[in-house]
N, C-alpha and C. Protein backbone atom coordinates (compact mmCIF):
# COMPACT_ATOMS: atom_id res chain seq x y z
N MET A 1 100.97 154.65 43.22
CA MET A 1 100.69 154.76 44.63
C MET A 1 100.48 155.83 45.25
N SER A 2 99.43 155.95 46.10
CA SER A 2 98.96 157.33 46.72
C SER A 2 100.04 157.38 47.76
N PRO A 3 100.58 158.86 47.85
CA PRO A 3 101.48 159.44 48.90
C PRO A 3 100.94 159.19 50.44
N ALA A 4 99.59 158.85 50.49
CA ALA A 4 98.81 158.96 51.80
C ALA A 4 99.26 157.48 52.36
N THR A 5 99.52 156.60 51.42
CA THR A 5 99.87 155.06 51.99
C THR A 5 101.14 154.70 52.04
N PRO A 6 101.60 154.85 53.11
CA PRO A 6 103.12 154.37 53.28
C PRO A 6 103.30 153.06 52.80
N GLN A 7 104.58 152.49 52.37
CA GLN A 7 104.63 151.21 51.64
C GLN A 7 105.99 150.89 52.56
N PRO A 8 106.06 149.41 52.77
CA PRO A 8 107.22 149.08 53.57
C PRO A 8 108.58 149.16 52.93
N ALA A 9 109.63 149.26 53.43
CA ALA A 9 110.86 149.52 53.07
C ALA A 9 111.48 148.45 52.04
N SER A 10 110.93 147.12 52.39
CA SER A 10 111.31 145.88 51.72
C SER A 10 110.16 144.85 51.69
N ARG A 11 110.10 144.09 51.01
CA ARG A 11 109.25 143.24 51.14
C ARG A 11 109.34 142.25 52.30
N HIS A 12 110.47 142.24 52.94
CA HIS A 12 110.76 141.67 54.05
C HIS A 12 110.07 142.39 55.59
N ALA A 13 109.51 143.81 55.21
CA ALA A 13 109.04 144.35 56.30
C ALA A 13 107.91 143.78 56.86
N ALA A 14 107.65 144.26 58.03
CA ALA A 14 106.26 143.97 58.62
C ALA A 14 105.05 144.09 57.70
N THR A 15 103.95 143.42 57.74
CA THR A 15 103.04 143.49 56.78
C THR A 15 102.08 144.52 57.65
N PRO A 16 101.11 145.06 56.94
CA PRO A 16 100.14 146.06 57.53
C PRO A 16 99.15 144.94 58.58
N GLN A 17 99.05 145.83 59.49
CA GLN A 17 97.68 145.18 60.31
C GLN A 17 96.44 144.73 59.56
N ALA A 18 96.31 143.66 59.91
CA ALA A 18 94.61 143.24 59.57
C ALA A 18 93.64 144.35 60.22
N ARG A 19 92.72 144.57 59.16
CA ARG A 19 91.67 145.28 59.51
C ARG A 19 90.95 144.65 60.33
N VAL A 20 90.36 145.35 61.62
CA VAL A 20 89.33 144.76 62.38
C VAL A 20 88.28 145.40 62.16
N PRO A 21 87.18 144.57 61.89
CA PRO A 21 85.75 144.98 61.41
C PRO A 21 85.30 145.86 62.75
N ARG A 22 84.63 146.98 62.38
CA ARG A 22 84.16 147.93 63.30
C ARG A 22 82.74 147.23 63.96
N GLU A 23 82.61 147.49 65.19
CA GLU A 23 81.54 147.10 65.93
C GLU A 23 80.29 147.87 65.28
N THR A 24 78.91 147.23 65.14
CA THR A 24 77.83 147.85 64.76
C THR A 24 77.28 148.30 66.09
N THR A 25 76.31 149.31 65.80
CA THR A 25 75.74 149.96 66.72
C THR A 25 74.57 148.95 67.63
N ASP A 26 74.35 148.21 66.96
CA ASP A 26 73.56 147.03 67.65
C ASP A 26 74.52 146.11 68.67
N GLN A 27 75.53 145.76 68.17
CA GLN A 27 76.56 144.92 68.90
C GLN A 27 77.07 145.82 69.96
N ALA A 28 77.27 147.15 69.87
CA ALA A 28 77.60 147.86 71.05
C ALA A 28 76.58 147.68 72.14
N ARG A 29 75.17 147.97 71.54
CA ARG A 29 74.13 147.93 72.34
C ARG A 29 74.05 146.52 73.30
N ALA A 30 74.40 145.22 72.60
CA ALA A 30 74.21 143.96 73.07
C ALA A 30 75.39 143.96 74.35
N CYS A 31 76.78 144.39 73.91
CA CYS A 31 77.73 144.26 74.88
C CYS A 31 77.46 145.13 76.10
N TRP A 32 76.81 146.37 75.81
CA TRP A 32 76.36 147.03 76.88
C TRP A 32 75.49 146.47 77.83
N ALA A 33 74.29 145.78 77.29
CA ALA A 33 73.36 145.02 77.96
C ALA A 33 73.90 143.76 78.78
N TRP A 34 74.83 142.94 77.88
CA TRP A 34 75.41 141.85 78.73
C TRP A 34 76.32 142.34 79.75
N ASP A 35 77.17 143.45 79.84
CA ASP A 35 77.71 144.10 81.01
C ASP A 35 76.86 144.44 81.97
N LYS A 36 75.84 144.60 81.79
CA LYS A 36 74.71 144.99 82.91
C LYS A 36 74.24 143.86 83.61
N VAL A 37 74.11 142.65 83.01
CA VAL A 37 73.44 141.57 83.64
C VAL A 37 74.24 140.24 83.75
N LYS A 38 75.69 140.34 83.24
CA LYS A 38 76.43 139.13 83.24
C LYS A 38 76.51 138.42 84.63
N ASP A 39 76.57 139.31 85.68
CA ASP A 39 76.59 138.86 87.18
C ASP A 39 75.58 138.32 87.47
N GLY A 40 74.51 138.22 86.90
CA GLY A 40 73.02 137.81 87.47
C GLY A 40 72.07 138.72 87.82
N VAL A 41 70.92 138.54 87.81
CA VAL A 41 69.87 139.45 87.98
C VAL A 41 68.80 138.81 88.71
N ASP A 42 68.06 139.35 89.76
CA ASP A 42 66.89 138.80 90.12
C ASP A 42 65.62 138.63 89.38
N LYS A 43 64.74 138.10 89.54
CA LYS A 43 63.15 137.77 89.08
C LYS A 43 62.66 139.18 88.85
N ASP A 44 62.66 140.11 89.71
CA ASP A 44 62.31 141.61 89.98
C ASP A 44 62.60 142.21 88.66
N TYR A 45 64.05 142.17 88.68
CA TYR A 45 64.60 142.77 87.52
C TYR A 45 64.24 142.25 85.99
N VAL A 46 64.24 141.09 85.87
CA VAL A 46 63.73 140.48 84.73
C VAL A 46 62.31 140.73 84.53
N ASN A 47 61.48 140.91 85.44
CA ASN A 47 60.05 141.33 85.03
C ASN A 47 59.99 142.76 84.98
N LEU A 48 60.85 143.75 85.42
CA LEU A 48 60.66 145.15 85.40
C LEU A 48 61.43 145.43 83.75
N VAL A 49 62.57 144.57 83.16
CA VAL A 49 62.91 144.78 82.00
C VAL A 49 61.83 144.71 80.95
N LYS A 50 61.34 143.66 81.49
CA LYS A 50 59.95 143.20 80.35
C LYS A 50 58.82 144.11 80.46
N SER A 51 58.54 144.99 81.42
CA SER A 51 57.54 145.61 81.24
C SER A 51 57.69 147.37 81.06
N VAL A 52 59.01 147.73 81.37
CA VAL A 52 59.40 148.94 81.19
C VAL A 52 59.34 149.89 79.71
N PRO A 53 59.54 148.67 78.67
CA PRO A 53 59.24 149.43 77.46
C PRO A 53 57.81 149.73 77.18
N THR A 54 56.71 148.99 77.65
CA THR A 54 55.39 149.27 77.48
C THR A 54 55.19 150.57 78.08
N LEU A 55 55.78 150.70 79.40
CA LEU A 55 55.77 152.00 80.21
C LEU A 55 56.29 153.00 79.27
N ILE A 56 57.34 152.97 78.84
CA ILE A 56 57.99 154.26 77.80
C ILE A 56 57.19 154.50 76.70
N MET A 57 56.37 153.51 75.95
CA MET A 57 55.72 153.79 75.02
C MET A 57 54.60 154.52 75.45
N SER A 58 53.93 154.09 76.38
CA SER A 58 52.48 154.67 76.78
C SER A 58 52.59 155.92 77.58
N SER A 59 53.66 156.04 78.30
CA SER A 59 54.10 157.35 79.09
C SER A 59 55.06 158.42 78.68
N GLY A 60 55.91 157.61 78.25
CA GLY A 60 57.21 158.62 77.65
C GLY A 60 58.45 158.32 78.65
N LEU A 61 59.51 158.63 78.13
CA LEU A 61 60.72 158.17 78.89
C LEU A 61 60.82 159.01 80.21
N ILE A 62 60.95 160.21 80.16
CA ILE A 62 60.85 161.02 81.23
C ILE A 62 59.93 160.65 82.30
N GLN A 63 58.83 160.21 82.09
CA GLN A 63 57.86 160.09 83.19
C GLN A 63 58.03 158.56 83.63
N THR A 64 58.82 157.63 82.78
CA THR A 64 59.04 156.29 83.24
C THR A 64 60.32 156.53 84.18
N LEU A 65 61.40 157.08 83.85
CA LEU A 65 62.45 157.47 84.57
C LEU A 65 61.91 157.90 86.07
N ALA A 66 61.27 158.98 86.03
CA ALA A 66 60.59 159.49 87.21
C ALA A 66 59.92 158.43 88.11
N PHE A 67 59.35 157.65 87.47
CA PHE A 67 58.61 156.55 88.15
C PHE A 67 59.76 155.59 89.06
N LEU A 68 60.58 155.21 87.81
CA LEU A 68 61.60 154.41 88.42
C LEU A 68 62.46 155.09 89.83
N ALA A 69 62.66 156.23 89.47
CA ALA A 69 63.52 157.08 90.60
C ALA A 69 62.59 156.68 91.90
N ALA A 70 61.21 157.15 91.60
CA ALA A 70 60.40 157.09 93.18
C ALA A 70 60.16 155.81 93.39
N LYS A 71 60.37 154.62 92.79
CA LYS A 71 60.28 153.39 93.53
C LYS A 71 61.95 152.97 93.94
N ALA A 72 62.78 153.38 93.33
CA ALA A 72 64.31 152.92 93.49
C ALA A 72 64.53 153.15 94.99
N GLU A 73 63.96 153.90 95.82
CA GLU A 73 64.58 153.97 97.32
C GLU A 73 64.08 152.65 98.01
N LYS A 74 62.73 152.19 97.41
CA LYS A 74 62.52 151.07 98.30
C LYS A 74 62.63 149.57 97.64
N ASN A 75 62.93 149.60 96.23
CA ASN A 75 62.93 148.44 95.52
C ASN A 75 64.33 148.25 94.83
N GLU A 76 65.11 147.35 95.00
CA GLU A 76 66.38 147.27 94.48
C GLU A 76 66.41 147.07 92.76
N ALA A 77 65.37 146.40 92.31
CA ALA A 77 65.18 146.01 90.87
C ALA A 77 65.15 147.41 90.15
N HIS A 78 64.17 148.42 90.78
CA HIS A 78 64.08 149.75 90.21
C HIS A 78 65.23 150.49 90.40
N ARG A 79 66.19 150.41 91.47
CA ARG A 79 67.21 151.19 91.57
C ARG A 79 68.14 150.78 90.64
N ARG A 80 68.29 149.33 90.44
CA ARG A 80 69.37 148.95 89.48
C ARG A 80 69.03 149.21 87.93
N LEU A 81 67.77 149.21 87.37
CA LEU A 81 67.50 149.31 86.16
C LEU A 81 67.61 150.77 85.96
N LEU A 82 67.28 151.98 86.85
CA LEU A 82 67.31 153.23 86.64
C LEU A 82 69.05 153.54 86.53
N ALA A 83 69.76 153.00 87.24
CA ALA A 83 71.07 153.11 87.36
C ALA A 83 71.85 152.67 85.90
N ASP A 84 71.30 151.36 85.41
CA ASP A 84 71.76 151.09 84.13
C ASP A 84 71.39 151.92 83.14
N LEU A 85 69.96 152.27 82.92
CA LEU A 85 69.74 152.95 81.75
C LEU A 85 70.33 154.44 81.94
N GLY A 86 70.31 154.97 82.93
CA GLY A 86 71.18 156.38 83.36
C GLY A 86 72.76 156.16 83.23
N ASP A 87 73.45 154.98 82.90
CA ASP A 87 74.80 154.64 82.84
C ASP A 87 75.41 155.36 84.05
N GLY A 88 74.70 155.30 85.42
CA GLY A 88 75.39 155.61 86.66
C GLY A 88 74.96 157.19 87.01
N LYS A 89 74.42 157.83 86.10
CA LYS A 89 73.84 159.31 86.29
C LYS A 89 72.80 159.08 87.73
N GLU A 90 73.20 160.21 88.51
CA GLU A 90 72.18 160.30 89.59
C GLU A 90 70.94 160.66 88.72
N PRO A 91 69.62 160.20 89.17
CA PRO A 91 68.39 160.34 88.55
C PRO A 91 67.92 161.80 88.52
N ASP A 92 68.25 162.82 89.43
CA ASP A 92 67.82 164.26 89.36
C ASP A 92 68.30 164.99 88.27
N PRO A 93 69.47 164.89 88.25
CA PRO A 93 70.67 165.58 86.87
C PRO A 93 69.95 164.94 85.73
N LEU A 94 69.83 163.63 85.62
CA LEU A 94 69.57 162.90 84.32
C LEU A 94 68.32 163.37 84.05
N ILE A 95 67.16 163.11 84.88
CA ILE A 95 65.76 163.91 84.61
C ILE A 95 65.77 165.26 83.98
N ALA A 96 66.54 166.23 84.79
CA ALA A 96 66.55 167.49 84.52
C ALA A 96 67.24 167.88 82.95
N ASP A 97 68.06 167.02 82.59
CA ASP A 97 68.85 167.15 81.62
C ASP A 97 67.68 166.73 80.27
N LEU A 98 67.12 165.80 80.62
CA LEU A 98 66.06 165.10 79.65
C LEU A 98 64.72 166.35 79.34
N VAL A 99 64.53 166.61 80.46
CA VAL A 99 63.44 167.81 80.35
C VAL A 99 64.06 169.22 79.73
N ALA A 100 65.17 169.37 79.82
CA ALA A 100 65.67 170.43 78.99
C ALA A 100 65.80 170.29 77.50
N SER A 101 66.07 168.98 77.36
CA SER A 101 66.27 168.75 75.86
C SER A 101 65.18 168.92 74.84
N PRO A 102 65.75 169.39 73.50
CA PRO A 102 64.80 169.58 72.51
C PRO A 102 64.31 168.18 72.10
N SER A 103 62.88 168.51 71.66
CA SER A 103 62.37 167.03 70.98
C SER A 103 62.85 166.16 70.24
N PRO A 104 63.84 166.35 69.18
CA PRO A 104 64.55 165.55 68.45
C PRO A 104 65.53 164.28 69.20
N ARG A 105 66.15 165.31 70.32
CA ARG A 105 67.10 164.77 71.01
C ARG A 105 66.27 163.69 71.94
N LEU A 106 65.50 164.28 72.58
CA LEU A 106 64.34 163.11 73.34
C LEU A 106 64.12 162.07 72.72
N ARG A 107 63.42 162.20 71.41
CA ARG A 107 63.04 161.05 70.64
C ARG A 107 64.27 160.24 70.48
N ALA A 108 65.33 160.62 70.00
CA ALA A 108 66.42 159.76 69.71
C ALA A 108 67.12 159.13 70.80
N LEU A 109 66.94 159.69 72.22
CA LEU A 109 67.41 159.10 73.29
C LEU A 109 66.20 158.00 73.87
N THR A 110 65.13 158.02 73.59
CA THR A 110 63.98 157.32 73.64
C THR A 110 64.15 156.21 72.85
N GLU A 111 64.43 156.11 71.47
CA GLU A 111 64.60 155.06 70.55
C GLU A 111 66.11 154.11 71.16
N GLU A 112 66.84 154.85 71.66
CA GLU A 112 68.21 154.25 72.11
C GLU A 112 67.97 153.61 73.48
N VAL A 113 67.21 153.91 74.22
CA VAL A 113 66.88 153.37 75.64
C VAL A 113 65.94 152.05 75.26
N LEU A 114 65.20 152.45 74.30
CA LEU A 114 64.23 151.12 73.86
C LEU A 114 64.96 149.98 73.07
N ALA A 115 66.31 150.41 72.25
CA ALA A 115 66.96 149.53 71.76
C ALA A 115 67.95 148.82 72.79
N LYS A 116 68.39 149.31 73.88
CA LYS A 116 68.91 148.70 74.86
C LYS A 116 68.06 147.97 75.59
N LEU A 117 66.97 148.30 75.85
CA LEU A 117 66.02 147.42 76.81
C LEU A 117 65.73 146.16 75.96
N ARG A 118 65.71 145.95 74.38
CA ARG A 118 65.47 144.76 73.53
C ARG A 118 66.63 143.90 74.06
N TRP A 119 67.84 144.47 74.06
CA TRP A 119 68.78 143.42 74.58
C TRP A 119 68.75 143.12 75.94
N LEU A 120 68.45 143.97 77.02
CA LEU A 120 68.11 143.59 78.33
C LEU A 120 67.16 142.47 78.58
N ARG A 121 66.27 142.61 77.56
CA ARG A 121 65.05 141.76 77.54
C ARG A 121 65.60 140.11 77.09
N HIS A 122 66.50 140.11 76.10
CA HIS A 122 67.06 138.87 75.96
C HIS A 122 67.97 138.35 76.89
N PHE A 123 68.87 138.83 77.52
CA PHE A 123 69.89 138.54 78.36
C PHE A 123 69.29 138.15 79.93
N ALA A 124 68.54 139.37 80.17
CA ALA A 124 68.45 139.18 81.46
C ALA A 124 67.65 137.68 82.09
N PRO A 125 66.46 137.35 81.44
CA PRO A 125 66.08 136.13 81.50
C PRO A 125 67.10 134.91 81.90
N MET A 126 67.99 135.00 80.92
CA MET A 126 69.06 134.03 80.65
C MET A 126 70.07 133.95 82.05
N MET A 127 70.25 135.35 82.68
CA MET A 127 71.09 135.45 83.92
C MET A 127 70.32 135.36 85.24
N GLN A 128 69.38 135.10 85.22
CA GLN A 128 68.28 135.27 86.57
C GLN A 128 68.79 134.29 87.30
N LYS A 129 69.04 134.84 88.59
CA LYS A 129 69.31 134.01 89.76
C LYS A 129 68.42 133.31 90.34
N GLU A 130 68.70 132.06 90.38
CA GLU A 130 67.56 131.25 91.28
C GLU A 130 67.23 131.87 92.55
N SER A 131 66.05 132.07 93.09
CA SER A 131 65.72 132.58 94.45
C SER A 131 65.81 131.51 95.31
N ARG A 132 66.41 132.05 96.52
CA ARG A 132 66.36 130.98 97.38
C ARG A 132 65.29 130.77 98.01
N GLY A 133 64.99 129.29 98.56
CA GLY A 133 63.67 129.06 99.29
C GLY A 133 62.53 128.70 98.38
N ASP A 134 62.55 128.60 97.04
CA ASP A 134 61.47 128.22 96.19
C ASP A 134 61.70 127.14 95.82
């Protein structure tokens, strides 16, 4: 027996807790995306979630977030997606932080955002609220 593994005093002592499997990174992203859309989203948000990955791939993460920030004042879907992707951070400090980031960090963050958007693309259409009057 290894000294690092404590043993019960008797065989009638409580058994060790069963191991809980660790959540994978992809499962964590799925949970994150589900939390963002579980209360429902509108059609504009669904369409935006579908188009933003292409915009990131063609223009870059910083430029895409700046675009969302510019539109956020007048468009709820842009405001909500920007808040979701920034995990609630205000746009100005978020973008300033990214601009000051070294290239490897920016690439990693871009990949992470794209991975989260893949899950949003799956869940958002499922949770789309029916528009009234259609």
